[in-house]
Amino acid sequence: MDDLAYHDGEQITYQKRGRTWIAVSGYWGDKIFYRKSNLACGGTVWHHIEFGYPREDKKRMDAAVARMAHGMTNYSNDCPSNRR
């Protein structure tokens, strides 16, 4: 999980993890980033989202980032063979 979450040059300000997911956010240079990864398909496939945006857009982006992050749990049973 750590390989998915942490990248060089980032200042982590938030990190939370569960048994099948990890989320981190913070700063990378003059940008804010948010990254989340969830296991799906019986623990065999990772789903990822990542956002990066200017610090001045934080208030405008917070709701969209939260909606996408929470919505990832809707796809925990998603498997490549189930896609069409």
Protein backbone atom coordinates (compact mmCIF):
# COMPACT_ATOMS: atom_id res chain seq x y z
CA MET A 1 0.00 0.00 0.00
CA ASP A 2 2.79 2.42 0.79
CA ASP A 3 4.10 2.20 -2.78
CA LEU A 4 0.68 3.32 -4.02
CA ALA A 5 0.38 6.14 -1.52
CA TYR A 6 3.74 7.83 -1.17
CA HIS A 7 5.76 9.58 -3.85
CA ASP A 8 9.04 11.49 -3.58
CA GLY A 9 8.84 15.23 -3.10
CA GLU A 10 5.39 15.28 -1.49
CA GLN A 11 4.48 16.78 1.87
CA ILE A 12 1.81 14.49 3.34
CA THR A 13 -0.76 16.30 5.51
CA TYR A 14 -3.42 13.55 5.66
CA GLN A 15 -3.18 9.79 5.59
CA LYS A 16 -5.78 7.21 6.46
CA ARG A 17 -6.02 3.54 5.65
CA GLY A 18 -8.24 0.57 6.16
CA ARG A 19 -7.73 -3.11 5.46
CA THR A 20 -8.49 -2.69 1.73
CA TRP A 21 -7.83 1.00 1.00
CA ILE A 22 -5.47 3.91 1.56
CA ALA A 23 -5.89 7.65 1.07
CA VAL A 24 -3.28 10.40 1.26
CA SER A 25 -3.25 14.09 0.53
CA GLY A 26 -0.94 17.01 0.93
CA TYR A 27 1.24 19.32 -1.12
CA TRP A 28 3.49 18.79 -4.05
CA GLY A 29 5.21 22.05 -4.85
CA ASP A 30 2.50 24.68 -5.28
CA LYS A 31 -0.27 22.11 -5.81
CA ILE A 32 -2.57 20.10 -3.57
CA PHE A 33 -2.90 16.41 -4.31
CA TYR A 34 -5.30 13.70 -3.17
CA ARG A 35 -4.78 10.03 -3.94
CA LYS A 36 -6.90 7.01 -2.98
CA SER A 37 -6.57 3.33 -3.81
CA ASN A 38 -9.10 0.58 -3.07
CA LEU A 39 -8.87 -3.15 -3.55
CA ALA A 40 -11.65 -4.60 -5.71
CA CYS A 41 -12.54 -7.88 -7.38
CA GLY A 42 -11.98 -10.04 -4.31
CA GLY A 43 -8.72 -8.27 -3.48
CA THR A 44 -7.10 -8.90 -6.88
CA VAL A 45 -7.38 -5.47 -8.58
CA TRP A 46 -6.52 -1.95 -7.38
CA HIS A 47 -8.71 1.00 -8.28
CA HIS A 48 -7.00 4.41 -8.09
CA ILE A 49 -7.98 8.04 -8.24
CA GLU A 50 -5.64 10.98 -8.06
CA PHE A 51 -6.30 14.71 -8.17
CA GLY A 52 -3.84 17.56 -8.39
CA TYR A 53 -4.87 21.20 -8.40
CA PRO A 54 -3.62 24.68 -7.41
CA ARG A 55 -3.87 25.53 -3.70
CA GLU A 56 -6.21 28.42 -4.44
CA ASP A 57 -8.79 25.94 -5.81
CA LYS A 58 -9.06 23.96 -2.56
CA LYS A 59 -12.53 25.18 -1.52
CA ARG A 60 -13.86 24.66 -5.03
CA MET A 61 -12.43 21.12 -5.30
CA ASP A 62 -13.13 19.73 -1.80
CA ALA A 63 -16.70 18.53 -2.51
CA ALA A 64 -15.79 16.90 -5.84
CA VAL A 65 -12.79 15.09 -4.37
CA ALA A 66 -14.84 13.83 -1.41
CA ARG A 67 -17.66 12.63 -3.69
CA MET A 68 -15.27 10.68 -5.92
CA ALA A 69 -13.36 9.18 -2.98
CA HIS A 70 -16.50 8.01 -1.17
CA GLY A 71 -18.01 6.72 -4.41
CA MET A 72 -15.12 4.34 -4.97
CA THR A 73 -16.65 1.91 -2.50
CA ASN A 74 -19.51 1.35 -4.98
CA TYR A 75 -17.04 -0.53 -7.19
CA SER A 76 -15.46 -2.88 -4.63
CA ASN A 77 -16.89 -5.92 -6.46
CA ASP A 78 -15.91 -4.65 -9.92
CA CYS A 79 -13.79 -7.16 -11.86
CA PRO A 80 -12.31 -6.81 -15.36
CA SER A 81 -14.42 -9.75 -16.57
CA ASN A 82 -17.58 -7.91 -15.41
CA ARG A 83 -16.89 -4.85 -17.60
CA ARG A 84 -18.53 -4.36 -20.97
